[in-house]
Structures are given as structure tokens and as C-alpha cells.
C-alpha atoms as a PDB file:
ATOM      1  CA  MET A   1     -98.742 144.913  53.400  1.00  0.00           C
ATOM      2  CA  SER A   2    -101.313 145.223  56.301  1.00  0.00           C
ATOM      3  CA  SER A   3    -102.004 141.572  56.280  1.00  0.00           C
ATOM      4  CA  ASP A   4     -98.418 141.019  57.291  1.00  0.00           C
ATOM      5  CA  THR A   5     -98.620 143.647  60.023  1.00  0.00           C
ATOM      6  CA  SER A   6    -101.875 141.907  61.243  1.00  0.00           C
ATOM      7  CA  GLU A   7    -100.200 138.542  61.296  1.00  0.00           C
ATOM      8  CA  ASN A   8     -97.267 139.891  63.120  1.00  0.00           C
ATOM      9  CA  SER A   9     -99.267 141.595  65.680  1.00  0.00           C
ATOM     10  CA  HIS A  10    -101.548 138.425  66.310  1.00  0.00           C
ATOM     11  CA  SER A  11     -98.142 136.440  66.551  1.00  0.00           C
ATOM     12  CA  ILE A  12     -96.763 138.873  69.070  1.00  0.00           C
ATOM     13  CA  GLU A  13    -100.039 138.766  71.074  1.00  0.00           C
ATOM     14  CA  ARG A  14     -99.950 134.963  71.257  1.00  0.00           C
ATOM     15  CA  ARG A  15     -96.337 134.959  72.396  1.00  0.00           C
ATOM     16  CA  ILE A  16     -96.933 137.315  75.083  1.00  0.00           C
ATOM     17  CA  ASP A  17    -100.266 135.364  76.302  1.00  0.00           C
ATOM     18  CA  HIS A  18     -97.969 132.328  76.358  1.00  0.00           C
ATOM     19  CA  ALA A  19     -95.182 134.087  78.335  1.00  0.00           C
ATOM     20  CA  ARG A  20     -97.722 135.332  80.814  1.00  0.00           C
ATOM     21  CA  GLN A  21     -99.331 132.238  81.404  1.00  0.00           C
ATOM     22  CA  GLU A  22     -95.749 130.657  81.990  1.00  0.00           C
ATOM     23  CA  LEU A  23     -94.909 133.295  84.373  1.00  0.00           C
ATOM     24  CA  GLN A  24     -98.194 133.477  86.367  1.00  0.00           C
ATOM     25  CA  PRO A  25     -97.452 131.855  89.764  1.00  0.00           C
ATOM     26  CA  THR A  26     -99.281 128.716  90.537  1.00  0.00           C
ATOM     27  CA  ILE A  27    -102.033 128.573  93.387  1.00  0.00           C
ATOM     28  CA  ARG A  28    -100.648 126.736  96.433  1.00  0.00           C
ATOM     29  CA  ASP A  29    -101.562 123.149  97.332  1.00  0.00           C
ATOM     30  CA  SER A  30    -104.166 123.308 100.238  1.00  0.00           C
ATOM     31  CA  GLY A  31    -102.987 119.810 101.307  1.00  0.00           C
ATOM     32  CA  ALA A  32    -100.537 118.951 103.921  1.00  0.00           C
ATOM     33  CA  ALA A  33     -97.616 120.052 102.109  1.00  0.00           C
ATOM     34  CA  GLY A  34     -98.934 123.420 101.277  1.00  0.00           C
ATOM     35  CA  GLN A  35    -100.028 123.988 104.652  1.00  0.00           C
ATOM     36  CA  ALA A  36     -96.538 122.773 106.211  1.00  0.00           C
ATOM     37  CA  HIS A  37     -94.830 125.400 103.673  1.00  0.00           C
ATOM     38  CA  LEU A  38     -97.117 127.980 105.026  1.00  0.00           C
ATOM     39  CA  ALA A  39     -96.235 127.227 108.674  1.00  0.00           C
ATOM     40  CA  TRP A  40     -92.559 127.339 108.033  1.00  0.00           C
ATOM     41  CA  ARG A  41     -92.847 130.667 106.142  1.00  0.00           C
ATOM     42  CA  MET A  42     -94.702 132.141 109.031  1.00  0.00           C
ATOM     43  CA  VAL A  43     -92.107 130.906 111.632  1.00  0.00           C
ATOM     44  CA  VAL A  44     -89.136 132.177 109.411  1.00  0.00           C
ATOM     45  CA  ASP A  45     -90.958 135.509 109.148  1.00  0.00           C
ATOM     46  CA  LEU A  46     -91.462 135.921 112.704  1.00  0.00           C
ATOM     47  CA  VAL A  47     -87.871 134.596 113.855  1.00  0.00           C
ATOM     48  CA  ALA A  48     -86.211 136.891 110.994  1.00  0.00           C
ATOM     49  CA  GLY A  49     -88.276 140.016 112.390  1.00  0.00           C
ATOM     50  CA  ILE A  50     -87.147 139.480 115.806  1.00  0.00           C
ATOM     51  CA  GLY A  51     -83.780 138.605 114.914  1.00  0.00           C
ATOM     52  CA  ILE A  52     -83.325 141.817 112.808  1.00  0.00           C
ATOM     53  CA  GLY A  53     -84.722 143.743 115.492  1.00  0.00           C
ATOM     54  CA  ALA A  54     -82.238 142.485 118.027  1.00  0.00           C
ATOM     55  CA  GLY A  55     -79.434 143.070 115.935  1.00  0.00           C
ATOM     56  CA  VAL A  56     -80.234 146.692 115.137  1.00  0.00           C
ATOM     57  CA  GLY A  57     -81.274 147.286 118.697  1.00  0.00           C
ATOM     58  CA  TYR A  58     -77.793 145.791 119.869  1.00  0.00           C
ATOM     59  CA  GLY A  59     -76.008 147.882 117.132  1.00  0.00           C
ATOM     60  CA  LEU A  60     -77.826 151.226 118.043  1.00  0.00           C
ATOM     61  CA  GLY A  61     -77.479 150.381 121.800  1.00  0.00           C
ATOM     62  CA  HIS A  62     -73.685 149.680 121.467  1.00  0.00           C
ATOM     63  CA  LEU A  63     -73.278 152.795 119.664  1.00  0.00           C
ATOM     64  CA  PHE A  64     -75.077 155.226 121.981  1.00  0.00           C
ATOM     65  CA  GLY A  65     -74.229 153.254 125.109  1.00  0.00           C
ATOM     66  CA  MET A  66     -77.938 152.474 125.999  1.00  0.00           C
ATOM     67  CA  LEU A  67     -77.846 148.878 125.074  1.00  0.00           C
ATOM     68  CA  PRO A  68     -80.834 147.565 127.145  1.00  0.00           C
ATOM     69  CA  ILE A  69     -83.267 150.116 126.137  1.00  0.00           C
ATOM     70  CA  PHE A  70     -82.549 149.838 122.281  1.00  0.00           C
ATOM     71  CA  MET A  71     -82.670 145.914 122.384  1.00  0.00           C
ATOM     72  CA  ILE A  72     -85.998 146.020 124.092  1.00  0.00           C
ATOM     73  CA  ILE A  73     -87.510 148.540 121.720  1.00  0.00           C
ATOM     74  CA  PHE A  74     -86.216 146.818 118.418  1.00  0.00           C
ATOM     75  CA  ILE A  75     -86.860 143.297 119.594  1.00  0.00           C
ATOM     76  CA  LEU A  76     -90.548 144.451 120.152  1.00  0.00           C
ATOM     77  CA  LEU A  77     -90.459 146.152 116.626  1.00  0.00           C
ATOM     78  CA  GLY A  78     -89.154 142.995 115.183  1.00  0.00           C
ATOM     79  CA  PHE A  79     -91.686 141.007 116.638  1.00  0.00           C
ATOM     80  CA  ALA A  80     -94.579 143.402 115.536  1.00  0.00           C
ATOM     81  CA  ALA A  81     -93.044 143.300 111.976  1.00  0.00           C
ATOM     82  CA  GLY A  82     -92.885 139.542 112.062  1.00  0.00           C
ATOM     83  CA  VAL A  83     -96.476 138.979 113.274  1.00  0.00           C
ATOM     84  CA  ASN A  84     -97.469 141.696 110.488  1.00  0.00           C
ATOM     85  CA  LEU A  85     -95.781 139.233 107.825  1.00  0.00           C
ATOM     86  CA  MET A  86     -97.443 136.388 109.259  1.00  0.00           C
ATOM     87  CA  TRP A  87    -100.918 137.961 109.133  1.00  0.00           C
ATOM     88  CA  ARG A  88    -100.428 139.013 105.469  1.00  0.00           C
ATOM     89  CA  THR A  89     -99.258 135.662 104.730  1.00  0.00           C
ATOM     90  CA  ALA A  90    -102.359 133.999 106.225  1.00  0.00           C
ATOM     91  CA  ARG A  91    -104.828 136.404 104.511  1.00  0.00           C
ATOM     92  CA  GLU A  92    -102.925 135.648 101.078  1.00  0.00           C
ATOM     93  CA  PHE A  93    -103.197 131.767 101.487  1.00  0.00           C
ATOM     94  CA  ARG A  94    -106.876 132.245 102.655  1.00  0.00           C
ATOM     95  CA  SER A  95    -107.682 134.496  99.631  1.00  0.00           C
ATOM     96  CA  GLU A  96    -105.900 131.956  97.289  1.00  0.00           C
ATOM     97  CA  SER A  97    -107.853 129.155  98.678  1.00  0.00           C
ATOM     98  CA  LEU A  98    -111.181 130.739  98.640  1.00  0.00           C
ATOM     99  CA  ARG A  99    -110.712 131.832  95.130  1.00  0.00           C
ATOM    100  CA  GLY A 100    -110.052 128.099  93.934  1.00  0.00           C
ATOM    101  CA  PRO A 101    -107.794 126.772  90.756  1.00  0.00           C
ATOM    102  CA  THR A 102    -110.394 127.685  88.087  1.00  0.00           C
ATOM    103  CA  ASP A 103    -110.592 131.409  88.742  1.00  0.00           C
ATOM    104  CA  GLU A 104    -108.301 133.603  86.569  1.00  0.00           C
ATOM    105  CA  ARG A 105    -106.118 136.359  88.083  1.00  0.00           C
ATOM    106  CA  LYS A 106    -106.711 139.722  86.938  1.00  0.00           C
ATOM    107  CA  ASN A 107    -103.774 141.940  85.987  1.00  0.00           C
END
């Protein structure tokens, strides 16, 4: 009875390890394709932040009748959010490239 339980637990552990390895994200390629992907991701983050800020600013400005001030405030906030996302993306890419493909990720 205990040998069956031991075999089952080892089988389950192997399946869990296999599933974790399949789900673990791969490290980005540091070649030209990886850098182009990174650049586009940063551009999209910045434009999305500005666009969302402009939309929210326009909506609040139209609602309260103070269109220019809310547009300016929220465009600047959207720009700041976009730059923040770009900064995080760059840090993430740098840490992955410094870590290298042989290092294991810790959970």
C-alpha cells in the first residue's frame, strides 16, 4: 500500500515538474528580432499611455466643462505612465539578458 502511494507521489511530482517546464516563459532572443520586439513594445506602451490619458482627460473635461485643463493633466499622466512602463520593460530585458539562458528561474 505504501509503495503504491510512493509511486503515485513520484509520478505526480514528475508531471508537475514537466508542466512547470512547459509553462515557464522562454528568455527573449537578444538578437535583432528580440531588440525590434522590445522597441515596438516600448513604443506601444508609450502611445497607449498617452492615448488613454487623452481619452480620460477629454471625457472628464467634457463632463465637467473644463476640457483643456483635464486634457493637459491626463495627457501628462499618460505620458508618465508610458515612460514608467518603458523603464520597467528595459529593466526586465536587461535582467534577462544578464542572467543568461543557463540560469534557472526561482519560483
